Amino acid sequence: MVDVLVSSRSITPRAPRRILLLHAGDINWSGMTAFLDESAAQQIIEDFKRQGVQLPVDYHHQTTKAEDGLDIKAEAAGWITDLVYVAGKGLYGFVEWTDEARELIESKKFKYISPVVYFEKATGKLSGLHSVALTNRPRTRELPELLAQAAHRKDAKTMAGDIKADAKEKQAAVMDEMPAVDPVSSALKEIISVLGLSPEASMTEVLQAVIAKIGKGNPEEEEEDEEKESQEETAHMAELKIKAESYDAMAGRIAALEKAAADNQEKEKQRTAAELVEEQIEAGRLLPDAKDAVAAAKDLANKDPEGFKKIFAAMPVVAPPGRVMTEGTFGASGRPSDRTSLIAAELRGYDSETHVLKTTKAGWVNAGLMAAGLPRLTRDEVKALDTNSKAKEN
């Protein structure tokens, strides 16, 4: 018989912290034309901040129904605590779910959301966000499921922006609350000594002491006045130097965080591309030993994952997925009953049998496990197979 391999990835479902509310550009609603650009998104975000209250996420638009006069209890499923716009993708909302809503989402009783918006009919431009509802019949076309958003909830570019903004805020706080004079500044050490202040004196105390001494000076003593002016200028220059050093250090940290975010984004793209190609190999639409074709497929999946899916969905199967099992495959002893022994037997069979069709080692083992009614290989087990194969090749 022929066993057909079906890709299955074990991911613990979780309600997403951040959800896509509106697509960028045409928001892609059935029966309505409206557009979201950066200007409209910023207007929505500013309106949200100006109101100063969190927006409700309810069930089946109960909030709007209650406002229309229906005798209905509009309970919250969660609250939109913040909004952020990602260029080219859309408007996202950060949500605090209630325990009940989180359980409903994670048990797949609710798969989608549906926002209620304000917009200008004449131009189709969006101007505000009223509320959001959990629903299973969204008006938005091609809206990702909530649990699917949880699996890839952190956009690396947005993460870098959030990190950069947070770093700038911390930098401002550091500059506003600069507590003490930098002990390595020789110029400031000299000034503190001349003024007779504590070595732990703050910048404010230093400047106040300088000003006080200037105020008490004798106008007739020109040399002393010039010295005091020089000290004041030195203190000012030292303060500017400290601030400049602080800015430089913070800028370096921000640059490092941006680079790390970009590297993580690239790694995520490559991992996703490899998974897409592996699915097509297991489906029999791509031969694993066709190196040039596999490389080209990975390149396409990395650059345009959606285009890759559409192209391969239309391609024919070039090799039946799985393999042919004969009664003599496992000899007189028959198929091993425990999963570990069966995996070991399948691996030996993959290397020795001559009737193997074009498939991966993981695909071969999964075919045997499925035929025995046992669970497929986990992601860690597949990685272990790949590692062992590379070790043998070396």
Protein backbone atom coordinates (compact mmCIF):
# COMPACT_ATOMS: atom_id res chain seq x y z
CA MET A 1 0.00 0.00 0.00
CA VAL A 2 1.03 3.65 -0.40
CA ASP A 3 1.10 5.89 2.68
CA VAL A 4 0.47 9.59 2.07
CA LEU A 5 2.46 11.90 4.30
CA VAL A 6 0.66 14.91 5.80
CA SER A 7 2.73 17.68 7.40
CA SER A 8 1.90 18.14 11.09
CA ARG A 9 3.66 20.58 13.41
CA SER A 10 3.15 20.42 17.14
CA ILE A 11 2.65 24.00 18.37
CA THR A 12 0.97 24.83 21.64
CA PRO A 13 -1.89 27.20 20.75
CA ARG A 14 -2.01 30.50 22.63
CA ALA A 15 -4.21 33.56 22.37
CA PRO A 16 -2.11 36.26 20.66
CA ARG A 17 -0.93 39.33 22.55
CA ARG A 18 -0.90 41.40 19.36
CA ILE A 19 -3.53 41.10 16.60
CA LEU A 20 -3.91 42.52 13.09
CA LEU A 21 -6.92 44.86 13.10
CA LEU A 22 -6.81 46.45 9.63
CA HIS A 23 -4.84 45.65 6.46
CA ALA A 24 -2.64 48.41 5.03
CA GLY A 25 -3.98 49.93 1.81
CA ASP A 26 -7.39 48.56 0.84
CA ILE A 27 -8.59 47.00 4.11
CA ASN A 28 -10.13 44.20 2.01
CA TRP A 29 -13.63 44.20 3.47
CA SER A 30 -16.47 42.52 1.59
CA GLY A 31 -19.12 44.98 0.42
CA MET A 32 -17.11 48.08 1.40
CA THR A 33 -14.16 50.08 0.06
CA ALA A 34 -11.97 51.81 2.62
CA PHE A 35 -8.26 52.58 2.79
CA LEU A 36 -5.65 52.68 5.51
CA ASP A 37 -2.39 54.53 4.96
CA GLU A 38 0.17 55.78 7.48
CA SER A 39 -1.65 59.11 7.82
CA ALA A 40 -4.99 57.45 8.57
CA ALA A 41 -3.32 55.01 10.97
CA GLN A 42 -1.68 57.84 12.90
CA GLN A 43 -5.03 59.63 13.11
CA ILE A 44 -6.63 56.49 14.57
CA ILE A 45 -3.76 56.09 17.06
CA GLU A 46 -3.92 59.75 18.09
CA ASP A 47 -7.70 59.51 18.54
CA PHE A 48 -7.21 56.42 20.69
CA LYS A 49 -4.63 58.19 22.88
CA ARG A 50 -6.73 61.34 23.08
CA GLN A 51 -9.69 59.37 24.48
CA GLY A 52 -7.45 57.97 27.21
CA VAL A 53 -9.46 54.74 27.63
CA GLN A 54 -8.93 51.21 26.40
CA LEU A 55 -11.12 49.95 23.54
CA PRO A 56 -13.36 46.93 24.22
CA VAL A 57 -13.11 43.59 22.49
CA ASP A 58 -16.56 41.97 22.81
CA TYR A 59 -18.46 38.98 21.45
CA HIS A 60 -20.36 39.31 18.13
CA HIS A 61 -20.44 43.16 18.25
CA GLN A 62 -22.51 43.27 21.45
CA THR A 63 -21.20 46.78 22.25
CA THR A 64 -22.69 48.35 19.10
CA LYS A 65 -25.91 46.36 19.54
CA ALA A 66 -26.30 47.64 23.11
CA GLU A 67 -25.65 51.21 21.94
CA ASP A 68 -28.35 50.75 19.29
CA GLY A 69 -30.88 50.08 22.08
CA LEU A 70 -31.01 46.29 22.18
CA ASP A 71 -31.48 44.78 25.63
CA ILE A 72 -28.18 42.94 25.59
CA LYS A 73 -25.31 42.52 28.03
CA ALA A 74 -22.14 43.66 26.26
CA GLU A 75 -19.43 41.81 28.15
CA ALA A 76 -15.79 42.37 27.30
CA ALA A 77 -13.67 39.55 25.93
CA GLY A 78 -10.61 41.76 26.28
CA TRP A 79 -9.24 45.29 26.00
CA ILE A 80 -7.12 47.02 23.37
CA THR A 81 -4.35 48.63 25.44
CA ASP A 82 -2.25 50.07 22.62
CA LEU A 83 -2.14 50.50 18.83
CA VAL A 84 0.83 50.40 16.44
CA TYR A 85 1.09 50.78 12.65
CA VAL A 86 3.49 48.57 10.67
CA ALA A 87 4.22 50.00 7.21
CA GLY A 88 3.03 47.73 4.42
CA LYS A 89 1.18 45.43 6.82
CA GLY A 90 -1.43 47.33 8.76
CA LEU A 91 -2.74 48.49 12.12
CA TYR A 92 -2.10 46.16 15.05
CA GLY A 93 -3.64 46.19 18.52
CA PHE A 94 -2.17 44.92 21.78
CA VAL A 95 -4.82 43.00 23.72
CA GLU A 96 -5.35 41.96 27.33
CA TRP A 97 -7.74 38.98 27.08
CA THR A 98 -10.11 37.85 29.81
CA ASP A 99 -9.58 34.30 31.03
CA GLU A 100 -12.84 33.22 29.41
CA ALA A 101 -11.95 34.72 26.01
CA ARG A 102 -8.44 33.25 26.11
CA GLU A 103 -9.90 29.77 26.70
CA LEU A 104 -12.42 30.23 23.86
CA ILE A 105 -9.68 31.30 21.44
CA GLU A 106 -7.25 28.56 22.41
CA SER A 107 -10.00 25.92 22.10
CA LYS A 108 -10.78 27.33 18.60
CA LYS A 109 -14.34 28.31 19.48
CA PHE A 110 -13.51 31.77 18.14
CA LYS A 111 -11.04 32.08 15.25
CA TYR A 112 -11.31 35.68 14.03
CA ILE A 113 -11.87 39.32 15.03
CA SER A 114 -13.99 42.03 13.43
CA PRO A 115 -13.26 45.74 14.02
CA VAL A 116 -15.87 48.53 13.99
CA VAL A 117 -14.46 51.67 12.32
CA TYR A 118 -15.31 55.27 11.50
CA PHE A 119 -14.63 56.31 7.90
CA GLU A 120 -15.39 59.01 5.37
CA LYS A 121 -17.82 57.68 2.75
CA ALA A 122 -16.74 60.20 0.14
CA THR A 123 -13.04 59.31 0.27
CA GLY A 124 -13.05 55.87 1.89
CA LYS A 125 -10.41 57.07 4.36
CA LEU A 126 -10.52 55.62 7.87
CA SER A 127 -10.61 58.04 10.79
CA GLY A 128 -11.26 56.07 13.97
CA LEU A 129 -11.74 52.75 15.73
CA HIS A 130 -14.91 52.13 17.77
CA SER A 131 -14.47 48.58 19.08
CA VAL A 132 -13.45 45.05 18.11
CA ALA A 133 -15.44 41.82 18.28
CA LEU A 134 -14.61 38.12 18.44
CA THR A 135 -16.46 36.38 15.60
CA ASN A 136 -16.34 33.40 13.28
CA ARG A 137 -17.70 35.32 10.23
CA PRO A 138 -15.35 38.28 9.72
CA ARG A 139 -16.01 40.91 7.09
CA THR A 140 -12.29 41.17 6.36
CA ARG A 141 -11.14 38.84 3.57
CA GLU A 142 -7.87 36.89 3.97
CA LEU A 143 -7.72 37.67 7.69
CA PRO A 144 -5.27 35.40 9.55
CA GLU A 145 -6.71 33.24 12.32
CA LEU A 146 -5.97 34.38 15.87
CA LEU A 147 -3.92 31.31 16.77
CA ALA A 148 -1.95 31.67 13.52
CA GLN A 149 -1.09 35.22 14.57
CA ALA A 150 0.09 33.89 17.93
CA ALA A 151 2.59 31.60 16.19
CA HIS A 152 4.25 34.60 14.47
CA ARG A 153 3.10 37.41 16.69
CA LYS A 154 6.32 39.40 16.83
CA ASP A 155 7.24 41.15 13.65
CA ALA A 156 10.99 41.68 13.85
CA LYS A 157 10.85 45.16 12.31
CA THR A 158 8.15 46.28 14.73
CA MET A 159 10.13 44.77 17.59
CA ALA A 160 13.18 46.83 16.59
CA GLY A 161 11.03 49.98 16.51
CA ASP A 162 9.60 49.22 19.94
CA ILE A 163 13.06 48.56 21.34
CA LYS A 164 14.42 51.78 19.80
CA ALA A 165 11.57 53.86 21.22
CA ASP A 166 12.01 52.30 24.64
CA ALA A 167 15.76 52.94 24.52
CA LYS A 168 15.20 56.60 23.63
CA GLU A 169 12.79 57.00 26.53
CA LYS A 170 15.32 55.49 28.91
CA GLN A 171 18.01 57.75 27.46
CA ALA A 172 15.86 60.82 28.11
CA ALA A 173 15.27 59.65 31.66
CA VAL A 174 19.00 59.19 32.20
CA MET A 175 19.75 62.68 30.92
CA ASP A 176 16.95 64.28 32.98
CA GLU A 177 17.99 62.57 36.18
CA MET A 178 21.77 62.58 35.86
CA PRO A 179 22.67 61.95 39.52
CA ALA A 180 26.36 62.54 40.00
CA VAL A 181 29.45 63.89 38.31
CA ASP A 182 31.42 61.36 36.27
CA PRO A 183 34.34 60.38 38.55
CA VAL A 184 36.68 59.87 35.58
CA SER A 185 36.42 63.49 34.44
CA SER A 186 39.67 65.10 35.54
CA ALA A 187 38.37 68.58 34.75
CA LEU A 188 35.36 68.16 37.02
CA LYS A 189 37.50 66.62 39.76
CA GLU A 190 39.64 69.74 39.71
CA ILE A 191 36.59 72.03 39.85
CA ILE A 192 35.07 70.07 42.76
CA SER A 193 38.36 70.30 44.64
CA VAL A 194 38.65 74.06 44.06
CA LEU A 195 35.06 74.59 45.21
CA GLY A 196 35.56 72.44 48.31
CA LEU A 197 32.58 70.18 47.48
CA SER A 198 32.02 66.50 48.23
CA PRO A 199 33.43 64.11 45.59
CA GLU A 200 29.83 62.81 45.19
CA ALA A 201 28.44 66.28 44.34
CA SER A 202 25.86 66.39 41.58
CA MET A 203 26.23 68.52 38.46
CA THR A 204 23.58 70.91 39.80
CA GLU A 205 25.52 71.40 43.06
CA VAL A 206 28.72 72.07 41.13
CA LEU A 207 27.12 74.70 38.93
CA GLN A 208 25.37 76.37 41.89
CA ALA A 209 28.67 76.59 43.77
CA VAL A 210 30.39 78.10 40.72
CA ILE A 211 27.64 80.71 40.33
CA ALA A 212 27.75 81.53 44.06
CA LYS A 213 31.51 82.09 43.98
CA ILE A 214 31.22 84.33 40.95
CA GLY A 215 28.55 86.37 42.76
CA LYS A 216 30.82 86.88 45.78
CA GLY A 217 33.91 87.86 43.81
CA ASN A 218 35.62 91.24 43.91
CA PRO A 219 35.13 93.09 40.58
CA GLU A 220 38.51 94.75 41.05
CA GLU A 221 40.34 91.44 41.03
CA GLU A 222 40.31 90.82 37.27
CA GLU A 223 42.50 87.75 37.43
CA GLU A 224 40.20 86.05 39.93
CA ASP A 225 37.16 86.91 37.79
CA GLU A 226 38.80 85.47 34.69
CA GLU A 227 39.66 82.29 36.61
CA LYS A 228 36.07 81.92 37.78
CA GLU A 229 34.76 82.43 34.26
CA SER A 230 37.18 79.78 33.05
CA GLN A 231 35.97 77.38 35.74
CA GLU A 232 32.35 78.00 34.78
CA GLU A 233 33.12 77.39 31.11
CA THR A 234 35.07 74.24 31.99
CA ALA A 235 32.14 72.94 34.04
CA HIS A 236 29.77 73.63 31.16
CA MET A 237 32.04 71.89 28.65
CA ALA A 238 32.43 68.91 30.98
CA GLU A 239 28.64 68.63 31.26
CA LEU A 240 28.29 68.68 27.47
CA LYS A 241 30.96 66.01 27.18
CA ILE A 242 29.14 63.72 29.62
CA LYS A 243 25.90 64.14 27.68
CA ALA A 244 27.63 63.46 24.37
CA GLU A 245 29.22 60.29 25.73
CA SER A 246 25.85 59.14 27.04
CA TYR A 247 24.20 59.78 23.67
CA ASP A 248 26.96 57.90 21.82
CA ALA A 249 26.64 54.90 24.13
CA MET A 250 22.88 54.81 23.75
CA ALA A 251 23.12 55.14 19.95
CA GLY A 252 25.50 52.18 19.90
CA ARG A 253 23.07 50.07 21.90
CA ILE A 254 20.18 50.99 19.61
CA ALA A 255 22.25 50.08 16.53
CA ALA A 256 23.14 46.71 18.08
CA LEU A 257 19.50 45.99 18.88
CA GLU A 258 18.43 46.92 15.35
CA LYS A 259 21.07 44.60 13.89
CA ALA A 260 20.00 41.75 16.19
CA ALA A 261 16.36 42.26 15.19
CA ALA A 262 17.30 42.23 11.49
CA ASP A 263 19.37 39.05 11.96
CA ASN A 264 16.47 37.35 13.77
CA GLN A 265 14.09 38.38 11.00
CA GLU A 266 16.38 36.89 8.35
CA LYS A 267 16.76 33.64 10.34
CA GLU A 268 12.98 33.40 10.71
CA LYS A 269 12.53 33.91 6.95
CA GLN A 270 15.06 31.17 6.18
CA ARG A 271 13.46 28.76 8.67
CA THR A 272 10.01 29.36 7.18
CA ALA A 273 11.36 28.90 3.65
CA ALA A 274 13.00 25.59 4.63
CA GLU A 275 9.73 24.37 6.15
CA LEU A 276 7.77 25.27 3.02
CA VAL A 277 10.24 23.41 0.80
CA GLU A 278 10.19 20.38 3.13
CA GLU A 279 6.38 20.27 2.90
CA GLN A 280 6.56 20.12 -0.91
CA ILE A 281 9.20 17.38 -0.79
CA GLU A 282 6.98 15.32 1.53
CA ALA A 283 4.01 16.02 -0.75
CA GLY A 284 5.92 14.62 -3.70
CA ARG A 285 5.98 17.85 -5.74
CA LEU A 286 9.73 18.37 -5.32
CA LEU A 287 12.53 15.79 -5.42
CA PRO A 288 15.09 16.10 -2.61
CA ASP A 289 18.03 15.06 -4.80
CA ALA A 290 17.22 17.71 -7.43
CA LYS A 291 19.66 20.14 -5.82
CA ASP A 292 19.20 23.02 -8.27
CA ALA A 293 15.39 22.81 -8.07
CA VAL A 294 15.47 22.65 -4.27
CA ALA A 295 17.82 25.66 -4.09
CA ALA A 296 15.61 27.65 -6.46
CA ALA A 297 12.53 26.69 -4.43
CA LYS A 298 14.17 27.84 -1.19
CA ASP A 299 15.13 31.13 -2.80
CA LEU A 300 11.53 31.70 -3.97
CA ALA A 301 10.07 30.69 -0.58
CA ASN A 302 12.45 33.11 1.16
CA LYS A 303 11.58 36.04 -1.14
CA ASP A 304 7.85 35.40 -1.67
CA PRO A 305 6.28 32.75 0.63
CA GLU A 306 2.74 33.39 -0.64
CA GLY A 307 3.81 33.20 -4.27
CA PHE A 308 5.65 29.95 -3.48
CA LYS A 309 2.48 28.43 -2.01
CA LYS A 310 0.37 29.40 -5.03
CA ILE A 311 2.89 28.05 -7.54
CA PHE A 312 3.37 24.68 -5.83
CA ALA A 313 -0.35 24.28 -5.16
CA ALA A 314 -0.81 24.18 -8.93
CA MET A 315 2.12 21.83 -9.62
CA PRO A 316 1.60 18.09 -10.20
CA VAL A 317 2.97 15.36 -7.95
CA VAL A 318 6.21 14.11 -9.53
CA ALA A 319 6.80 11.29 -7.04
CA PRO A 320 4.13 9.62 -4.90
CA PRO A 321 4.62 10.75 -1.29
CA GLY A 322 5.58 8.05 1.18
CA ARG A 323 6.82 4.66 -0.14
CA VAL A 324 5.63 1.20 -1.07
CA MET A 325 5.43 -1.26 1.83
CA THR A 326 5.76 -4.99 1.14
CA GLU A 327 4.96 -7.87 3.47
CA GLY A 328 8.64 -8.72 3.66
CA THR A 329 9.81 -5.27 4.63
CA PHE A 330 10.36 -6.20 8.28
CA GLY A 331 11.12 -9.89 7.78
CA ALA A 332 9.66 -12.78 9.78
CA SER A 333 9.62 -10.85 13.03
CA GLY A 334 7.08 -8.36 11.63
CA ARG A 335 6.74 -4.64 12.32
CA PRO A 336 8.11 -3.55 15.75
CA SER A 337 5.28 -2.51 18.05
CA ASP A 338 7.02 0.18 20.14
CA ARG A 339 7.73 3.56 18.52
CA THR A 340 11.48 3.75 19.31
CA SER A 341 12.21 0.34 17.79
CA LEU A 342 10.10 1.14 14.76
CA ILE A 343 11.97 4.39 14.12
CA ALA A 344 15.30 2.54 14.31
CA ALA A 345 14.02 -0.14 11.91
CA GLU A 346 12.75 2.46 9.48
CA LEU A 347 16.09 4.26 9.45
CA ARG A 348 17.87 1.01 8.63
CA GLY A 349 15.33 0.34 5.91
CA TYR A 350 15.81 3.78 4.38
CA ASP A 351 19.54 3.09 3.90
CA SER A 352 19.21 -0.52 2.70
CA GLU A 353 16.00 -0.99 0.69
CA THR A 354 16.16 -0.52 -3.08
CA HIS A 355 12.47 0.27 -3.68
CA VAL A 356 12.55 3.64 -1.92
CA LEU A 357 10.72 6.37 -3.80
CA LYS A 358 12.03 9.90 -3.82
CA THR A 359 11.38 11.26 -0.34
CA THR A 360 13.29 12.54 2.70
CA LYS A 361 14.50 10.38 5.54
CA ALA A 362 11.93 12.04 7.82
CA GLY A 363 9.23 11.36 5.24
CA TRP A 364 10.24 7.70 5.04
CA VAL A 365 10.12 7.26 8.84
CA ASN A 366 6.82 9.14 9.15
CA ALA A 367 5.27 6.82 6.56
CA GLY A 368 6.15 3.83 8.69
CA LEU A 369 4.90 5.45 11.89
CA MET A 370 1.59 6.40 10.28
CA ALA A 371 1.14 2.88 8.89
CA ALA A 372 1.58 1.55 12.45
CA GLY A 373 -0.86 4.09 13.86
CA LEU A 374 1.90 5.81 15.86
CA PRO A 375 2.60 9.57 16.23
CA ARG A 376 4.74 11.25 13.56
CA LEU A 377 8.24 12.54 14.28
CA THR A 378 8.41 15.68 16.39
CA ARG A 379 10.38 18.71 15.20
CA ASP A 380 13.23 17.84 17.61
CA GLU A 381 13.34 14.27 16.27
CA VAL A 382 13.52 15.54 12.68
CA LYS A 383 16.40 17.85 13.67
CA ALA A 384 18.17 14.89 15.30
CA LEU A 385 17.81 12.86 12.07
CA ASP A 386 19.30 15.72 10.04
CA THR A 387 22.18 16.12 12.51
CA ASN A 388 23.00 12.40 12.46
CA SER A 389 22.86 12.34 8.64
CA LYS A 390 25.30 15.24 8.37
CA ALA A 391 27.64 13.58 10.89
CA LYS A 392 27.69 10.36 8.81
CA GLU A 393 28.40 12.33 5.62
CA ASN A 394 31.38 14.01 7.30
